[in-house]
Amino acid sequence: MNKQSLNSLSMVCLLGGFASIVGSIVMWNISKDPDPAHGERFGIFIGLWAPTFFALSSRLERLAERLAK
């Protein structure tokens, strides 16, 4: 992969992390019926993706910088 595509993929992962946080909050609030615990667990499950996306974004950005040298 070239530097441009790695930077693009890094940005997609970064946006995916933020989307995961927003999606978690949304799912937590709208999935309360009929069982509130299910909505809370599903919101937490989606929120757990955010650190993975942020770590991937960081790693891809560092790889792109290393390729640029």
PDB file of N, CA and C in Angstrom:
ATOM      1  N   MET A   1       0.849  -1.179   0.000  1.00  0.00           N
ATOM      2  CA  MET A   1       0.000   0.000   0.000  1.00  0.00           C
ATOM      3  C   MET A   1       0.892   1.240   0.000  1.00  0.00           C
ATOM      4  N   ASN A   2       0.394   2.268  -0.607  1.00  0.00           N
ATOM      5  CA  ASN A   2       1.159   3.510  -0.634  1.00  0.00           C
ATOM      6  C   ASN A   2       0.724   4.434   0.504  1.00  0.00           C
ATOM      7  N   LYS A   3       1.456   5.525   0.667  1.00  0.00           N
ATOM      8  CA  LYS A   3       1.217   6.453   1.773  1.00  0.00           C
ATOM      9  C   LYS A   3      -0.187   7.052   1.710  1.00  0.00           C
ATOM     10  N   GLN A   4      -0.619   7.414   0.516  1.00  0.00           N
ATOM     11  CA  GLN A   4      -1.944   8.031   0.341  1.00  0.00           C
ATOM     12  C   GLN A   4      -3.067   7.099   0.799  1.00  0.00           C
ATOM     13  N   SER A   5      -3.010   5.847   0.398  1.00  0.00           N
ATOM     14  CA  SER A   5      -4.077   4.915   0.779  1.00  0.00           C
ATOM     15  C   SER A   5      -4.027   4.588   2.274  1.00  0.00           C
ATOM     16  N   LEU A   6      -2.834   4.524   2.853  1.00  0.00           N
ATOM     17  CA  LEU A   6      -2.734   4.289   4.293  1.00  0.00           C
ATOM     18  C   LEU A   6      -3.291   5.469   5.084  1.00  0.00           C
ATOM     19  N   ASN A   7      -3.012   6.682   4.637  1.00  0.00           N
ATOM     20  CA  ASN A   7      -3.576   7.857   5.306  1.00  0.00           C
ATOM     21  C   ASN A   7      -5.099   7.884   5.185  1.00  0.00           C
ATOM     22  N   SER A   8      -5.614   7.511   4.024  1.00  0.00           N
ATOM     23  CA  SER A   8      -7.066   7.473   3.835  1.00  0.00           C
ATOM     24  C   SER A   8      -7.708   6.428   4.743  1.00  0.00           C
ATOM     25  N   LEU A   9      -7.093   5.261   4.806  1.00  0.00           N
ATOM     26  CA  LEU A   9      -7.622   4.198   5.660  1.00  0.00           C
ATOM     27  C   LEU A   9      -7.533   4.589   7.132  1.00  0.00           C
ATOM     28  N   SER A  10      -6.469   5.298   7.490  1.00  0.00           N
ATOM     29  CA  SER A  10      -6.328   5.790   8.856  1.00  0.00           C
ATOM     30  C   SER A  10      -7.462   6.751   9.204  1.00  0.00           C
ATOM     31  N   MET A  11      -7.804   7.629   8.268  1.00  0.00           N
ATOM     32  CA  MET A  11      -8.893   8.583   8.500  1.00  0.00           C
ATOM     33  C   MET A  11     -10.240   7.859   8.611  1.00  0.00           C
ATOM     34  N   VAL A  12     -10.441   6.838   7.802  1.00  0.00           N
ATOM     35  CA  VAL A  12     -11.686   6.058   7.883  1.00  0.00           C
ATOM     36  C   VAL A  12     -11.800   5.383   9.247  1.00  0.00           C
ATOM     37  N   CYS A  13     -10.689   4.832   9.746  1.00  0.00           N
ATOM     38  CA  CYS A  13     -10.707   4.199  11.070  1.00  0.00           C
ATOM     39  C   CYS A  13     -10.970   5.226  12.168  1.00  0.00           C
ATOM     40  N   LEU A  14     -10.382   6.415  12.039  1.00  0.00           N
ATOM     41  CA  LEU A  14     -10.618   7.465  13.020  1.00  0.00           C
ATOM     42  C   LEU A  14     -12.094   7.866  13.044  1.00  0.00           C
ATOM     43  N   LEU A  15     -12.671   8.056  11.867  1.00  0.00           N
ATOM     44  CA  LEU A  15     -14.095   8.395  11.793  1.00  0.00           C
ATOM     45  C   LEU A  15     -14.962   7.244  12.297  1.00  0.00           C
ATOM     46  N   GLY A  16     -14.529   6.015  12.041  1.00  0.00           N
ATOM     47  CA  GLY A  16     -15.253   4.851  12.559  1.00  0.00           C
ATOM     48  C   GLY A  16     -15.267   4.811  14.082  1.00  0.00           C
ATOM     49  N   GLY A  17     -14.167   5.235  14.693  1.00  0.00           N
ATOM     50  CA  GLY A  17     -14.114   5.296  16.152  1.00  0.00           C
ATOM     51  C   GLY A  17     -15.107   6.300  16.703  1.00  0.00           C
ATOM     52  N   PHE A  18     -15.146   7.486  16.095  1.00  0.00           N
ATOM     53  CA  PHE A  18     -16.106   8.489  16.555  1.00  0.00           C
ATOM     54  C   PHE A  18     -17.547   8.057  16.263  1.00  0.00           C
ATOM     55  N   ALA A  19     -17.764   7.408  15.117  1.00  0.00           N
ATOM     56  CA  ALA A  19     -19.099   6.900  14.797  1.00  0.00           C
ATOM     57  C   ALA A  19     -19.530   5.827  15.788  1.00  0.00           C
ATOM     58  N   SER A  20     -18.581   5.030  16.256  1.00  0.00           N
ATOM     59  CA  SER A  20     -18.885   4.003  17.250  1.00  0.00           C
ATOM     60  C   SER A  20     -19.345   4.632  18.564  1.00  0.00           C
ATOM     61  N   ILE A  21     -18.697   5.727  18.954  1.00  0.00           N
ATOM     62  CA  ILE A  21     -19.102   6.406  20.189  1.00  0.00           C
ATOM     63  C   ILE A  21     -20.512   6.972  20.042  1.00  0.00           C
ATOM     64  N   VAL A  22     -20.760   7.642  18.929  1.00  0.00           N
ATOM     65  CA  VAL A  22     -22.090   8.217  18.692  1.00  0.00           C
ATOM     66  C   VAL A  22     -23.133   7.102  18.574  1.00  0.00           C
ATOM     67  N   GLY A  23     -22.794   6.044  17.842  1.00  0.00           N
ATOM     68  CA  GLY A  23     -23.720   4.916  17.691  1.00  0.00           C
ATOM     69  C   GLY A  23     -24.032   4.253  19.017  1.00  0.00           C
ATOM     70  N   SER A  24     -23.045   4.181  19.881  1.00  0.00           N
ATOM     71  CA  SER A  24     -23.258   3.597  21.202  1.00  0.00           C
ATOM     72  C   SER A  24     -24.265   4.408  22.001  1.00  0.00           C
ATOM     73  N   ILE A  25     -24.102   5.714  21.982  1.00  0.00           N
ATOM     74  CA  ILE A  25     -25.032   6.586  22.716  1.00  0.00           C
ATOM     75  C   ILE A  25     -26.438   6.489  22.139  1.00  0.00           C
ATOM     76  N   VAL A  26     -26.521   6.481  20.819  1.00  0.00           N
ATOM     77  CA  VAL A  26     -27.836   6.385  20.168  1.00  0.00           C
ATOM     78  C   VAL A  26     -28.509   5.057  20.503  1.00  0.00           C
ATOM     79  N   MET A  27     -27.763   3.950  20.375  1.00  0.00           N
ATOM     80  CA  MET A  27     -28.362   2.639  20.664  1.00  0.00           C
ATOM     81  C   MET A  27     -28.753   2.512  22.126  1.00  0.00           C
ATOM     82  N   TRP A  28     -27.968   3.106  23.000  1.00  0.00           N
ATOM     83  CA  TRP A  28     -28.275   3.064  24.425  1.00  0.00           C
ATOM     84  C   TRP A  28     -29.623   3.734  24.690  1.00  0.00           C
ATOM     85  N   ASN A  29     -29.885   4.836  23.990  1.00  0.00           N
ATOM     86  CA  ASN A  29     -31.103   5.594  24.229  1.00  0.00           C
ATOM     87  C   ASN A  29     -32.328   5.055  23.512  1.00  0.00           C
ATOM     88  N   ILE A  30     -32.172   4.471  22.315  1.00  0.00           N
ATOM     89  CA  ILE A  30     -33.364   4.046  21.578  1.00  0.00           C
ATOM     90  C   ILE A  30     -33.725   2.577  21.795  1.00  0.00           C
ATOM     91  N   SER A  31     -32.824   1.774  22.341  1.00  0.00           N
ATOM     92  CA  SER A  31     -33.099   0.346  22.525  1.00  0.00           C
ATOM     93  C   SER A  31     -33.569   0.023  23.931  1.00  0.00           C
ATOM     94  N   LYS A  32     -34.348   0.867  24.528  1.00  0.00           N
ATOM     95  CA  LYS A  32     -34.797   0.647  25.907  1.00  0.00           C
ATOM     96  C   LYS A  32     -36.045  -0.224  26.005  1.00  0.00           C
ATOM     97  N   ASP A  33     -36.741  -0.409  24.898  1.00  0.00           N
ATOM     98  CA  ASP A  33     -37.974  -1.201  24.942  1.00  0.00           C
ATOM     99  C   ASP A  33     -37.750  -2.556  24.313  1.00  0.00           C
ATOM    100  N   PRO A  34     -38.265  -3.623  24.789  1.00  0.00           N
ATOM    101  CA  PRO A  34     -38.998  -3.829  26.033  1.00  0.00           C
ATOM    102  C   PRO A  34     -38.078  -4.081  27.226  1.00  0.00           C
ATOM    103  N   ASP A  35     -36.799  -4.391  26.984  1.00  0.00           N
ATOM    104  CA  ASP A  35     -35.880  -4.702  28.076  1.00  0.00           C
ATOM    105  C   ASP A  35     -34.761  -3.663  28.121  1.00  0.00           C
ATOM    106  N   PRO A  36     -34.739  -2.801  29.129  1.00  0.00           N
ATOM    107  CA  PRO A  36     -33.715  -1.751  29.190  1.00  0.00           C
ATOM    108  C   PRO A  36     -32.289  -2.297  29.261  1.00  0.00           C
ATOM    109  N   ALA A  37     -32.114  -3.454  29.879  1.00  0.00           N
ATOM    110  CA  ALA A  37     -30.766  -4.024  30.010  1.00  0.00           C
ATOM    111  C   ALA A  37     -30.191  -4.410  28.649  1.00  0.00           C
ATOM    112  N   HIS A  38     -31.050  -4.850  27.737  1.00  0.00           N
ATOM    113  CA  HIS A  38     -30.579  -5.215  26.400  1.00  0.00           C
ATOM    114  C   HIS A  38     -30.024  -3.993  25.671  1.00  0.00           C
ATOM    115  N   GLY A  39     -30.714  -2.875  25.749  1.00  0.00           N
ATOM    116  CA  GLY A  39     -30.247  -1.647  25.114  1.00  0.00           C
ATOM    117  C   GLY A  39     -28.930  -1.172  25.696  1.00  0.00           C
ATOM    118  N   GLU A  40     -28.789  -1.294  26.993  1.00  0.00           N
ATOM    119  CA  GLU A  40     -27.539  -0.886  27.641  1.00  0.00           C
ATOM    120  C   GLU A  40     -26.384  -1.779  27.209  1.00  0.00           C
ATOM    121  N   ARG A  41     -26.614  -3.087  27.183  1.00  0.00           N
ATOM    122  CA  ARG A  41     -25.546  -4.014  26.772  1.00  0.00           C
ATOM    123  C   ARG A  41     -25.166  -3.817  25.319  1.00  0.00           C
ATOM    124  N   PHE A  42     -26.155  -3.589  24.463  1.00  0.00           N
ATOM    125  CA  PHE A  42     -25.872  -3.384  23.043  1.00  0.00           C
ATOM    126  C   PHE A  42     -25.117  -2.074  22.828  1.00  0.00           C
ATOM    127  N   GLY A  43     -25.474  -1.036  23.565  1.00  0.00           N
ATOM    128  CA  GLY A  43     -24.759   0.231  23.487  1.00  0.00           C
ATOM    129  C   GLY A  43     -23.313   0.094  23.934  1.00  0.00           C
ATOM    130  N   ILE A  44     -23.086  -0.652  25.005  1.00  0.00           N
ATOM    131  CA  ILE A  44     -21.729  -0.883  25.481  1.00  0.00           C
ATOM    132  C   ILE A  44     -20.941  -1.700  24.457  1.00  0.00           C
ATOM    133  N   PHE A  45     -21.579  -2.699  23.858  1.00  0.00           N
ATOM    134  CA  PHE A  45     -20.915  -3.524  22.842  1.00  0.00           C
ATOM    135  C   PHE A  45     -20.440  -2.664  21.671  1.00  0.00           C
ATOM    136  N   ILE A  46     -21.279  -1.787  21.189  1.00  0.00           N
ATOM    137  CA  ILE A  46     -20.888  -0.912  20.083  1.00  0.00           C
ATOM    138  C   ILE A  46     -19.792   0.056  20.532  1.00  0.00           C
ATOM    139  N   GLY A  47     -19.878   0.550  21.743  1.00  0.00           N
ATOM    140  CA  GLY A  47     -18.869   1.464  22.263  1.00  0.00           C
ATOM    141  C   GLY A  47     -17.502   0.833  22.423  1.00  0.00           C
ATOM    142  N   LEU A  48     -17.459  -0.480  22.577  1.00  0.00           N
ATOM    143  CA  LEU A  48     -16.171  -1.159  22.720  1.00  0.00           C
ATOM    144  C   LEU A  48     -15.381  -1.201  21.414  1.00  0.00           C
ATOM    145  N   TRP A  49     -16.016  -0.915  20.301  1.00  0.00           N
ATOM    146  CA  TRP A  49     -15.304  -0.894  19.025  1.00  0.00           C
ATOM    147  C   TRP A  49     -14.408   0.334  18.896  1.00  0.00           C
ATOM    148  N   ALA A  50     -14.755   1.423  19.566  1.00  0.00           N
ATOM    149  CA  ALA A  50     -14.041   2.695  19.411  1.00  0.00           C
ATOM    150  C   ALA A  50     -12.533   2.570  19.677  1.00  0.00           C
ATOM    151  N   PRO A  51     -12.092   1.963  20.778  1.00  0.00           N
ATOM    152  CA  PRO A  51     -10.639   1.874  20.987  1.00  0.00           C
ATOM    153  C   PRO A  51      -9.921   1.095  19.889  1.00  0.00           C
ATOM    154  N   THR A  52     -10.579   0.085  19.346  1.00  0.00           N
ATOM    155  CA  THR A  52      -9.972  -0.689  18.265  1.00  0.00           C
ATOM    156  C   THR A  52      -9.783   0.176  17.027  1.00  0.00           C
ATOM    157  N   PHE A  53     -10.818   0.933  16.677  1.00  0.00           N
ATOM    158  CA  PHE A  53     -10.702   1.818  15.520  1.00  0.00           C
ATOM    159  C   PHE A  53      -9.630   2.877  15.735  1.00  0.00           C
ATOM    160  N   PHE A  54      -9.553   3.448  16.938  1.00  0.00           N
ATOM    161  CA  PHE A  54      -8.543   4.472  17.219  1.00  0.00           C
ATOM    162  C   PHE A  54      -7.133   3.869  17.169  1.00  0.00           C
ATOM    163  N   ALA A  55      -6.960   2.673  17.688  1.00  0.00           N
ATOM    164  CA  ALA A  55      -5.647   2.021  17.644  1.00  0.00           C
ATOM    165  C   ALA A  55      -5.243   1.709  16.207  1.00  0.00           C
ATOM    166  N   LEU A  56      -6.176   1.218  15.408  1.00  0.00           N
ATOM    167  CA  LEU A  56      -5.881   0.952  14.004  1.00  0.00           C
ATOM    168  C   LEU A  56      -5.516   2.232  13.265  1.00  0.00           C
ATOM    169  N   SER A  57      -6.231   3.298  13.549  1.00  0.00           N
ATOM    170  CA  SER A  57      -5.948   4.575  12.906  1.00  0.00           C
ATOM    171  C   SER A  57      -4.538   5.045  13.234  1.00  0.00           C
ATOM    172  N   SER A  58      -4.163   4.955  14.478  1.00  0.00           N
ATOM    173  CA  SER A  58      -2.828   5.372  14.901  1.00  0.00           C
ATOM    174  C   SER A  58      -1.751   4.518  14.248  1.00  0.00           C
ATOM    175  N   ARG A  59      -1.967   3.226  14.239  1.00  0.00           N
ATOM    176  CA  ARG A  59      -0.982   2.308  13.658  1.00  0.00           C
ATOM    177  C   ARG A  59      -0.817   2.551  12.159  1.00  0.00           C
ATOM    178  N   LEU A  60      -1.913   2.751  11.449  1.00  0.00           N
ATOM    179  CA  LEU A  60      -1.833   3.004  10.012  1.00  0.00           C
ATOM    180  C   LEU A  60      -1.159   4.334   9.707  1.00  0.00           C
ATOM    181  N   GLU A  61      -1.408   5.330  10.545  1.00  0.00           N
ATOM    182  CA  GLU A  61      -0.766   6.628  10.354  1.00  0.00           C
ATOM    183  C   GLU A  61       0.749   6.516  10.563  1.00  0.00           C
ATOM    184  N   ARG A  62       1.172   5.773  11.588  1.00  0.00           N
ATOM    185  CA  ARG A  62       2.606   5.580  11.814  1.00  0.00           C
ATOM    186  C   ARG A  62       3.249   4.789  10.679  1.00  0.00           C
ATOM    187  N   LEU A  63       2.535   3.816  10.141  1.00  0.00           N
ATOM    188  CA  LEU A  63       3.045   3.040   9.014  1.00  0.00           C
ATOM    189  C   LEU A  63       3.201   3.929   7.778  1.00  0.00           C
ATOM    190  N   ALA A  64       2.248   4.816   7.549  1.00  0.00           N
ATOM    191  CA  ALA A  64       2.329   5.741   6.420  1.00  0.00           C
ATOM    192  C   ALA A  64       3.514   6.683   6.560  1.00  0.00           C
ATOM    193  N   GLU A  65       3.759   7.153   7.785  1.00  0.00           N
ATOM    194  CA  GLU A  65       4.913   8.020   8.029  1.00  0.00           C
ATOM    195  C   GLU A  65       6.223   7.278   7.793  1.00  0.00           C
ATOM    196  N   ARG A  66       6.260   6.021   8.197  1.00  0.00           N
ATOM    197  CA  ARG A  66       7.462   5.211   7.999  1.00  0.00           C
ATOM    198  C   ARG A  66       7.724   4.955   6.516  1.00  0.00           C
ATOM    199  N   LEU A  67       6.670   4.768   5.735  1.00  0.00           N
ATOM    200  CA  LEU A  67       6.821   4.570   4.296  1.00  0.00           C
ATOM    201  C   LEU A  67       7.269   5.840   3.579  1.00  0.00           C
ATOM    202  N   ALA A  68       6.929   6.983   4.142  1.00  0.00           N
ATOM    203  CA  ALA A  68       7.289   8.255   3.517  1.00  0.00           C
ATOM    204  C   ALA A  68       8.780   8.540   3.616  1.00  0.00           C
ATOM    205  N   LYS A  69       9.447   7.922   4.555  1.00  0.00           N
ATOM    206  CA  LYS A  69      10.891   8.182   4.752  1.00  0.00           C
ATOM    207  C   LYS A  69      11.740   7.518   3.718  1.00  0.00           C
TER     208      LYS A  69
END
